Amino acid sequence: MSLAAPPGGFRGPVKRSITIAGHETSITLEPIFWCALENAAAARGLPLSALVAEIDALRVEARDPPNLASALRSWAFAEANAANSENVSQ
């Protein structure tokens, strides 16, 4: 099995401003993670900022909370793995 570049190729991080609990914050993520978060928000009928706020709330409850960008990447990766597991088991 050979490797392939991700859809759209390898692209550097993109900074966006998002309002969480009334406070604007800048988050820098690679486009593939922004796309995954946008798709997850749409699937839940949420604006992106609401999904990010929910993930942020989970993050701050952790014993040793990571930074927000790391939490978003981890959540998006876990979400994709869960979706792949569901597709494989069907």
PDB file of N, CA and C in Angstrom:
ATOM      1  N   MET A   1       0.851  -1.178   0.000  1.00  0.00           N
ATOM      2  CA  MET A   1       0.000   0.000   0.000  1.00  0.00           C
ATOM      3  C   MET A   1       0.892   1.235   0.000  1.00  0.00           C
ATOM      4  N   SER A   2       0.670   2.128  -0.936  1.00  0.00           N
ATOM      5  CA  SER A   2       1.503   3.327  -1.011  1.00  0.00           C
ATOM      6  C   SER A   2       0.816   4.506  -0.328  1.00  0.00           C
ATOM      7  N   LEU A   3       1.623   5.452   0.052  1.00  0.00           N
ATOM      8  CA  LEU A   3       1.115   6.660   0.709  1.00  0.00           C
ATOM      9  C   LEU A   3       0.709   7.700  -0.323  1.00  0.00           C
ATOM     10  N   ALA A   4      -0.211   8.544   0.059  1.00  0.00           N
ATOM     11  CA  ALA A   4      -0.623   9.657  -0.797  1.00  0.00           C
ATOM     12  C   ALA A   4      -0.754  10.900   0.058  1.00  0.00           C
ATOM     13  N   ALA A   5      -0.591  12.027  -0.566  1.00  0.00           N
ATOM     14  CA  ALA A   5      -0.780  13.308   0.139  1.00  0.00           C
ATOM     15  C   ALA A   5      -2.257  13.457   0.494  1.00  0.00           C
ATOM     16  N   PRO A   6      -2.565  14.225   1.541  1.00  0.00           N
ATOM     17  CA  PRO A   6      -3.976  14.458   1.880  1.00  0.00           C
ATOM     18  C   PRO A   6      -4.679  15.230   0.765  1.00  0.00           C
ATOM     19  N   PRO A   7      -6.011  15.142   0.724  1.00  0.00           N
ATOM     20  CA  PRO A   7      -6.749  15.915  -0.291  1.00  0.00           C
ATOM     21  C   PRO A   7      -6.370  17.393  -0.205  1.00  0.00           C
ATOM     22  N   GLY A   8      -6.067  17.985  -1.323  1.00  0.00           N
ATOM     23  CA  GLY A   8      -5.655  19.387  -1.336  1.00  0.00           C
ATOM     24  C   GLY A   8      -4.169  19.568  -1.091  1.00  0.00           C
ATOM     25  N   GLY A   9      -3.462  18.475  -0.832  1.00  0.00           N
ATOM     26  CA  GLY A   9      -2.023  18.540  -0.601  1.00  0.00           C
ATOM     27  C   GLY A   9      -1.674  18.960   0.818  1.00  0.00           C
ATOM     28  N   PHE A  10      -0.403  19.103   1.051  1.00  0.00           N
ATOM     29  CA  PHE A  10       0.082  19.532   2.364  1.00  0.00           C
ATOM     30  C   PHE A  10       0.029  21.055   2.419  1.00  0.00           C
ATOM     31  N   ARG A  11      -0.674  21.565   3.415  1.00  0.00           N
ATOM     32  CA  ARG A  11      -0.833  23.015   3.529  1.00  0.00           C
ATOM     33  C   ARG A  11      -0.562  23.437   4.959  1.00  0.00           C
ATOM     34  N   GLY A  12       0.030  24.577   5.087  1.00  0.00           N
ATOM     35  CA  GLY A  12       0.372  25.097   6.401  1.00  0.00           C
ATOM     36  C   GLY A  12      -0.839  25.591   7.173  1.00  0.00           C
ATOM     37  N   PRO A  13      -0.624  25.899   8.447  1.00  0.00           N
ATOM     38  CA  PRO A  13      -1.716  26.331   9.312  1.00  0.00           C
ATOM     39  C   PRO A  13      -2.343  27.655   8.886  1.00  0.00           C
ATOM     40  N   VAL A  14      -3.630  27.780   9.253  1.00  0.00           N
ATOM     41  CA  VAL A  14      -4.410  28.979   8.967  1.00  0.00           C
ATOM     42  C   VAL A  14      -4.966  29.499  10.290  1.00  0.00           C
ATOM     43  N   LYS A  15      -4.815  30.788  10.514  1.00  0.00           N
ATOM     44  CA  LYS A  15      -5.317  31.404  11.752  1.00  0.00           C
ATOM     45  C   LYS A  15      -6.715  31.952  11.519  1.00  0.00           C
ATOM     46  N   ARG A  16      -7.613  31.654  12.464  1.00  0.00           N
ATOM     47  CA  ARG A  16      -8.980  32.185  12.425  1.00  0.00           C
ATOM     48  C   ARG A  16      -9.323  32.758  13.790  1.00  0.00           C
ATOM     49  N   SER A  17     -10.213  33.713  13.791  1.00  0.00           N
ATOM     50  CA  SER A  17     -10.729  34.263  15.043  1.00  0.00           C
ATOM     51  C   SER A  17     -12.105  33.682  15.293  1.00  0.00           C
ATOM     52  N   ILE A  18     -12.320  33.217  16.510  1.00  0.00           N
ATOM     53  CA  ILE A  18     -13.600  32.614  16.904  1.00  0.00           C
ATOM     54  C   ILE A  18     -13.989  33.204  18.250  1.00  0.00           C
ATOM     55  N   THR A  19     -15.274  33.438  18.430  1.00  0.00           N
ATOM     56  CA  THR A  19     -15.780  33.942  19.702  1.00  0.00           C
ATOM     57  C   THR A  19     -16.254  32.769  20.544  1.00  0.00           C
ATOM     58  N   ILE A  20     -15.690  32.656  21.736  1.00  0.00           N
ATOM     59  CA  ILE A  20     -16.061  31.609  22.685  1.00  0.00           C
ATOM     60  C   ILE A  20     -16.484  32.301  23.971  1.00  0.00           C
ATOM     61  N   ALA A  21     -17.715  32.042  24.387  1.00  0.00           N
ATOM     62  CA  ALA A  21     -18.261  32.641  25.618  1.00  0.00           C
ATOM     63  C   ALA A  21     -18.072  34.160  25.628  1.00  0.00           C
ATOM     64  N   GLY A  22     -18.296  34.780  24.487  1.00  0.00           N
ATOM     65  CA  GLY A  22     -18.226  36.232  24.405  1.00  0.00           C
ATOM     66  C   GLY A  22     -16.826  36.807  24.254  1.00  0.00           C
ATOM     67  N   HIS A  23     -15.818  35.933  24.189  1.00  0.00           N
ATOM     68  CA  HIS A  23     -14.436  36.399  24.051  1.00  0.00           C
ATOM     69  C   HIS A  23     -13.868  35.915  22.729  1.00  0.00           C
ATOM     70  N   GLU A  24     -13.281  36.848  21.973  1.00  0.00           N
ATOM     71  CA  GLU A  24     -12.674  36.468  20.699  1.00  0.00           C
ATOM     72  C   GLU A  24     -11.290  35.892  20.953  1.00  0.00           C
ATOM     73  N   THR A  25     -11.012  34.768  20.298  1.00  0.00           N
ATOM     74  CA  THR A  25      -9.710  34.138  20.410  1.00  0.00           C
ATOM     75  C   THR A  25      -9.239  33.714  19.033  1.00  0.00           C
ATOM     76  N   SER A  26      -7.943  33.708  18.814  1.00  0.00           N
ATOM     77  CA  SER A  26      -7.369  33.258  17.547  1.00  0.00           C
ATOM     78  C   SER A  26      -6.897  31.827  17.703  1.00  0.00           C
ATOM     79  N   ILE A  27      -7.215  31.023  16.708  1.00  0.00           N
ATOM     80  CA  ILE A  27      -6.829  29.611  16.713  1.00  0.00           C
ATOM     81  C   ILE A  27      -6.134  29.331  15.390  1.00  0.00           C
ATOM     82  N   THR A  28      -5.010  28.647  15.456  1.00  0.00           N
ATOM     83  CA  THR A  28      -4.258  28.300  14.259  1.00  0.00           C
ATOM     84  C   THR A  28      -4.283  26.786  14.074  1.00  0.00           C
ATOM     85  N   LEU A  29      -4.874  26.355  12.960  1.00  0.00           N
ATOM     86  CA  LEU A  29      -4.970  24.935  12.626  1.00  0.00           C
ATOM     87  C   LEU A  29      -4.698  24.735  11.140  1.00  0.00           C
ATOM     88  N   GLU A  30      -4.307  23.537  10.780  1.00  0.00           N
ATOM     89  CA  GLU A  30      -4.146  23.185   9.389  1.00  0.00           C
ATOM     90  C   GLU A  30      -5.538  23.115   8.743  1.00  0.00           C
ATOM     91  N   PRO A  31      -5.636  23.445   7.441  1.00  0.00           N
ATOM     92  CA  PRO A  31      -6.934  23.450   6.766  1.00  0.00           C
ATOM     93  C   PRO A  31      -7.712  22.134   6.895  1.00  0.00           C
ATOM     94  N   ILE A  32      -7.035  21.020   6.910  1.00  0.00           N
ATOM     95  CA  ILE A  32      -7.734  19.732   7.009  1.00  0.00           C
ATOM     96  C   ILE A  32      -8.480  19.621   8.346  1.00  0.00           C
ATOM     97  N   PHE A  33      -7.929  20.216   9.415  1.00  0.00           N
ATOM     98  CA  PHE A  33      -8.617  20.200  10.711  1.00  0.00           C
ATOM     99  C   PHE A  33      -9.785  21.191  10.718  1.00  0.00           C
ATOM    100  N   TRP A  34      -9.618  22.363  10.100  1.00  0.00           N
ATOM    101  CA  TRP A  34     -10.740  23.297   9.995  1.00  0.00           C
ATOM    102  C   TRP A  34     -11.892  22.632   9.253  1.00  0.00           C
ATOM    103  N   CYS A  35     -11.585  21.942   8.172  1.00  0.00           N
ATOM    104  CA  CYS A  35     -12.612  21.265   7.380  1.00  0.00           C
ATOM    105  C   CYS A  35     -13.321  20.199   8.221  1.00  0.00           C
ATOM    106  N   ALA A  36     -12.556  19.411   8.968  1.00  0.00           N
ATOM    107  CA  ALA A  36     -13.149  18.371   9.808  1.00  0.00           C
ATOM    108  C   ALA A  36     -14.064  18.977  10.870  1.00  0.00           C
ATOM    109  N   LEU A  37     -13.642  20.076  11.469  1.00  0.00           N
ATOM    110  CA  LEU A  37     -14.467  20.733  12.484  1.00  0.00           C
ATOM    111  C   LEU A  37     -15.728  21.346  11.862  1.00  0.00           C
ATOM    112  N   GLU A  38     -15.584  21.959  10.698  1.00  0.00           N
ATOM    113  CA  GLU A  38     -16.751  22.529  10.014  1.00  0.00           C
ATOM    114  C   GLU A  38     -17.766  21.438   9.678  1.00  0.00           C
ATOM    115  N   ASN A  39     -17.278  20.283   9.194  1.00  0.00           N
ATOM    116  CA  ASN A  39     -18.171  19.171   8.863  1.00  0.00           C
ATOM    117  C   ASN A  39     -18.859  18.624  10.109  1.00  0.00           C
ATOM    118  N   ALA A  40     -18.112  18.502  11.198  1.00  0.00           N
ATOM    119  CA  ALA A  40     -18.695  18.006  12.451  1.00  0.00           C
ATOM    120  C   ALA A  40     -19.742  18.974  12.985  1.00  0.00           C
ATOM    121  N   ALA A  41     -19.475  20.267  12.888  1.00  0.00           N
ATOM    122  CA  ALA A  41     -20.442  21.272  13.340  1.00  0.00           C
ATOM    123  C   ALA A  41     -21.707  21.193  12.487  1.00  0.00           C
ATOM    124  N   ALA A  42     -21.544  21.103  11.184  1.00  0.00           N
ATOM    125  CA  ALA A  42     -22.699  21.024  10.285  1.00  0.00           C
ATOM    126  C   ALA A  42     -23.520  19.772  10.568  1.00  0.00           C
ATOM    127  N   ALA A  43     -22.852  18.647  10.808  1.00  0.00           N
ATOM    128  CA  ALA A  43     -23.557  17.388  11.096  1.00  0.00           C
ATOM    129  C   ALA A  43     -24.385  17.495  12.371  1.00  0.00           C
ATOM    130  N   ARG A  44     -23.953  18.348  13.296  1.00  0.00           N
ATOM    131  CA  ARG A  44     -24.671  18.538  14.559  1.00  0.00           C
ATOM    132  C   ARG A  44     -25.639  19.721  14.514  1.00  0.00           C
ATOM    133  N   GLY A  45     -25.667  20.415  13.372  1.00  0.00           N
ATOM    134  CA  GLY A  45     -26.527  21.587  13.244  1.00  0.00           C
ATOM    135  C   GLY A  45     -26.073  22.748  14.112  1.00  0.00           C
ATOM    136  N   LEU A  46     -24.760  22.857  14.302  1.00  0.00           N
ATOM    137  CA  LEU A  46     -24.185  23.904  15.145  1.00  0.00           C
ATOM    138  C   LEU A  46     -23.325  24.842  14.323  1.00  0.00           C
ATOM    139  N   PRO A  47     -23.223  26.097  14.742  1.00  0.00           N
ATOM    140  CA  PRO A  47     -22.183  26.943  14.151  1.00  0.00           C
ATOM    141  C   PRO A  47     -20.813  26.436  14.622  1.00  0.00           C
ATOM    142  N   LEU A  48     -19.804  26.699  13.830  1.00  0.00           N
ATOM    143  CA  LEU A  48     -18.451  26.264  14.189  1.00  0.00           C
ATOM    144  C   LEU A  48     -18.060  26.773  15.569  1.00  0.00           C
ATOM    145  N   SER A  49     -18.389  28.016  15.867  1.00  0.00           N
ATOM    146  CA  SER A  49     -18.003  28.589  17.164  1.00  0.00           C
ATOM    147  C   SER A  49     -18.646  27.829  18.327  1.00  0.00           C
ATOM    148  N   ALA A  50     -19.861  27.327  18.148  1.00  0.00           N
ATOM    149  CA  ALA A  50     -20.524  26.565  19.210  1.00  0.00           C
ATOM    150  C   ALA A  50     -19.835  25.224  19.436  1.00  0.00           C
ATOM    151  N   LEU A  51     -19.441  24.558  18.349  1.00  0.00           N
ATOM    152  CA  LEU A  51     -18.716  23.290  18.495  1.00  0.00           C
ATOM    153  C   LEU A  51     -17.379  23.525  19.190  1.00  0.00           C
ATOM    154  N   VAL A  52     -16.667  24.557  18.768  1.00  0.00           N
ATOM    155  CA  VAL A  52     -15.374  24.875  19.398  1.00  0.00           C
ATOM    156  C   VAL A  52     -15.577  25.174  20.879  1.00  0.00           C
ATOM    157  N   ALA A  53     -16.629  25.890  21.225  1.00  0.00           N
ATOM    158  CA  ALA A  53     -16.909  26.204  22.629  1.00  0.00           C
ATOM    159  C   ALA A  53     -17.178  24.932  23.429  1.00  0.00           C
ATOM    160  N   GLU A  54     -17.900  23.973  22.842  1.00  0.00           N
ATOM    161  CA  GLU A  54     -18.169  22.713  23.539  1.00  0.00           C
ATOM    162  C   GLU A  54     -16.880  21.926  23.764  1.00  0.00           C
ATOM    163  N   ILE A  55     -16.032  21.875  22.740  1.00  0.00           N
ATOM    164  CA  ILE A  55     -14.754  21.172  22.880  1.00  0.00           C
ATOM    165  C   ILE A  55     -13.883  21.885  23.914  1.00  0.00           C
ATOM    166  N   ASP A  56     -13.903  23.214  23.910  1.00  0.00           N
ATOM    167  CA  ASP A  56     -13.139  23.985  24.883  1.00  0.00           C
ATOM    168  C   ASP A  56     -13.605  23.680  26.306  1.00  0.00           C
ATOM    169  N   ALA A  57     -14.913  23.567  26.498  1.00  0.00           N
ATOM    170  CA  ALA A  57     -15.442  23.251  27.831  1.00  0.00           C
ATOM    171  C   ALA A  57     -14.971  21.875  28.290  1.00  0.00           C
ATOM    172  N   LEU A  58     -14.932  20.909  27.373  1.00  0.00           N
ATOM    173  CA  LEU A  58     -14.414  19.581  27.720  1.00  0.00           C
ATOM    174  C   LEU A  58     -12.920  19.652  28.050  1.00  0.00           C
ATOM    175  N   ARG A  59     -12.207  20.461  27.269  1.00  0.00           N
ATOM    176  CA  ARG A  59     -10.755  20.594  27.442  1.00  0.00           C
ATOM    177  C   ARG A  59     -10.398  21.108  28.827  1.00  0.00           C
ATOM    178  N   VAL A  60     -11.084  22.143  29.288  1.00  0.00           N
ATOM    179  CA  VAL A  60     -10.718  22.751  30.568  1.00  0.00           C
ATOM    180  C   VAL A  60     -11.057  21.854  31.753  1.00  0.00           C
ATOM    181  N   GLU A  61     -11.885  20.832  31.522  1.00  0.00           N
ATOM    182  CA  GLU A  61     -12.183  19.878  32.588  1.00  0.00           C
ATOM    183  C   GLU A  61     -11.087  18.822  32.758  1.00  0.00           C
ATOM    184  N   ALA A  62     -10.192  18.715  31.794  1.00  0.00           N
ATOM    185  CA  ALA A  62      -9.124  17.712  31.852  1.00  0.00           C
ATOM    186  C   ALA A  62      -8.170  18.009  33.006  1.00  0.00           C
ATOM    187  N   ARG A  63      -7.563  16.969  33.516  1.00  0.00           N
ATOM    188  CA  ARG A  63      -6.624  17.118  34.632  1.00  0.00           C
ATOM    189  C   ARG A  63      -5.458  18.030  34.259  1.00  0.00           C
ATOM    190  N   ASP A  64      -4.919  17.849  33.071  1.00  0.00           N
ATOM    191  CA  ASP A  64      -3.812  18.681  32.585  1.00  0.00           C
ATOM    192  C   ASP A  64      -4.208  19.191  31.192  1.00  0.00           C
ATOM    193  N   PRO A  65      -5.036  20.250  31.122  1.00  0.00           N
ATOM    194  CA  PRO A  65      -5.593  20.672  29.839  1.00  0.00           C
ATOM    195  C   PRO A  65      -4.531  21.092  28.827  1.00  0.00           C
ATOM    196  N   PRO A  66      -4.661  20.597  27.584  1.00  0.00           N
ATOM    197  CA  PRO A  66      -3.760  21.047  26.521  1.00  0.00           C
ATOM    198  C   PRO A  66      -4.215  22.418  26.036  1.00  0.00           C
ATOM    199  N   ASN A  67      -3.444  23.021  25.148  1.00  0.00           N
ATOM    200  CA  ASN A  67      -3.910  24.267  24.566  1.00  0.00           C
ATOM    201  C   ASN A  67      -5.098  23.972  23.651  1.00  0.00           C
ATOM    202  N   LEU A  68      -5.848  24.995  23.300  1.00  0.00           N
ATOM    203  CA  LEU A  68      -7.087  24.804  22.554  1.00  0.00           C
ATOM    204  C   LEU A  68      -6.837  24.180  21.186  1.00  0.00           C
ATOM    205  N   ALA A  69      -5.819  24.622  20.479  1.00  0.00           N
ATOM    206  CA  ALA A  69      -5.544  24.062  19.152  1.00  0.00           C
ATOM    207  C   ALA A  69      -5.262  22.567  19.241  1.00  0.00           C
ATOM    208  N   SER A  70      -4.490  22.146  20.233  1.00  0.00           N
ATOM    209  CA  SER A  70      -4.202  20.716  20.410  1.00  0.00           C
ATOM    210  C   SER A  70      -5.470  19.945  20.735  1.00  0.00           C
ATOM    211  N   ALA A  71      -6.316  20.523  21.573  1.00  0.00           N
ATOM    212  CA  ALA A  71      -7.576  19.860  21.927  1.00  0.00           C
ATOM    213  C   ALA A  71      -8.463  19.708  20.690  1.00  0.00           C
ATOM    214  N   LEU A  72      -8.517  20.734  19.850  1.00  0.00           N
ATOM    215  CA  LEU A  72      -9.333  20.658  18.641  1.00  0.00           C
ATOM    216  C   LEU A  72      -8.805  19.601  17.680  1.00  0.00           C
ATOM    217  N   ARG A  73      -7.490  19.542  17.507  1.00  0.00           N
ATOM    218  CA  ARG A  73      -6.907  18.515  16.634  1.00  0.00           C
ATOM    219  C   ARG A  73      -7.194  17.119  17.173  1.00  0.00           C
ATOM    220  N   SER A  74      -6.995  16.943  18.469  1.00  0.00           N
ATOM    221  CA  SER A  74      -7.230  15.632  19.090  1.00  0.00           C
ATOM    222  C   SER A  74      -8.684  15.211  18.946  1.00  0.00           C
ATOM    223  N   TRP A  75      -9.611  16.147  19.195  1.00  0.00           N
ATOM    224  CA  TRP A  75     -11.030  15.842  19.098  1.00  0.00           C
ATOM    225  C   TRP A  75     -11.398  15.472  17.661  1.00  0.00           C
ATOM    226  N   ALA A  76     -10.920  16.263  16.692  1.00  0.00           N
ATOM    227  CA  ALA A  76     -11.243  16.006  15.285  1.00  0.00           C
ATOM    228  C   ALA A  76     -10.691  14.657  14.837  1.00  0.00           C
ATOM    229  N   PHE A  77      -9.486  14.330  15.272  1.00  0.00           N
ATOM    230  CA  PHE A  77      -8.884  13.042  14.910  1.00  0.00           C
ATOM    231  C   PHE A  77      -9.676  11.893  15.520  1.00  0.00           C
ATOM    232  N   ALA A  78     -10.036  12.016  16.792  1.00  0.00           N
ATOM    233  CA  ALA A  78     -10.826  10.973  17.457  1.00  0.00           C
ATOM    234  C   ALA A  78     -12.189  10.824  16.796  1.00  0.00           C
ATOM    235  N   GLU A  79     -12.799  11.930  16.415  1.00  0.00           N
ATOM    236  CA  GLU A  79     -14.099  11.908  15.737  1.00  0.00           C
ATOM    237  C   GLU A  79     -13.994  11.176  14.398  1.00  0.00           C
ATOM    238  N   ALA A  80     -12.937  11.454  13.647  1.00  0.00           N
ATOM    239  CA  ALA A  80     -12.728  10.784  12.358  1.00  0.00           C
ATOM    240  C   ALA A  80     -12.499   9.290  12.559  1.00  0.00           C
ATOM    241  N   ASN A  81     -11.733   8.919  13.585  1.00  0.00           N
ATOM    242  CA  ASN A  81     -11.497   7.502  13.860  1.00  0.00           C
ATOM    243  C   ASN A  81     -12.786   6.798  14.249  1.00  0.00           C
ATOM    244  N   ALA A  82     -13.619   7.460  15.036  1.00  0.00           N
ATOM    245  CA  ALA A  82     -14.894   6.870  15.446  1.00  0.00           C
ATOM    246  C   ALA A  82     -15.788   6.666  14.222  1.00  0.00           C
ATOM    247  N   ALA A  83     -15.808   7.636  13.322  1.00  0.00           N
ATOM    248  CA  ALA A  83     -16.619   7.516  12.110  1.00  0.00           C
ATOM    249  C   ALA A  83     -16.106   6.382  11.232  1.00  0.00           C
ATOM    250  N   ASN A  84     -14.780   6.243  11.133  1.00  0.00           N
ATOM    251  CA  ASN A  84     -14.205   5.155  10.346  1.00  0.00           C
ATOM    252  C   ASN A  84     -14.528   3.805  10.956  1.00  0.00           C
ATOM    253  N   SER A  85     -14.497   3.711  12.283  1.00  0.00           N
ATOM    254  CA  SER A  85     -14.828   2.463  12.971  1.00  0.00           C
ATOM    255  C   SER A  85     -16.269   2.074  12.701  1.00  0.00           C
ATOM    256  N   GLU A  86     -17.168   3.064  12.724  1.00  0.00           N
ATOM    257  CA  GLU A  86     -18.582   2.790  12.452  1.00  0.00           C
ATOM    258  C   GLU A  86     -18.774   2.303  11.027  1.00  0.00           C
ATOM    259  N   ASN A  87     -18.060   2.917  10.078  1.00  0.00           N
ATOM    260  CA  ASN A  87     -18.180   2.518   8.677  1.00  0.00           C
ATOM    261  C   ASN A  87     -17.648   1.116   8.443  1.00  0.00           C
ATOM    262  N   VAL A  88     -16.582   0.737   9.150  1.00  0.00           N
ATOM    263  CA  VAL A  88     -15.984  -0.587   8.992  1.00  0.00           C
ATOM    264  C   VAL A  88     -16.897  -1.649   9.561  1.00  0.00           C
ATOM    265  N   SER A  89     -17.549  -1.367  10.685  1.00  0.00           N
ATOM    266  CA  SER A  89     -18.388  -2.363  11.347  1.00  0.00           C
ATOM    267  C   SER A  89     -19.746  -2.550  10.680  1.00  0.00           C
ATOM    268  N   GLN A  90     -20.107  -1.671   9.749  1.00  0.00           N
ATOM    269  CA  GLN A  90     -21.418  -1.800   9.094  1.00  0.00           C
ATOM    270  C   GLN A  90     -21.382  -2.738   7.940  1.00  0.00           C
TER     271      GLN A  90
END
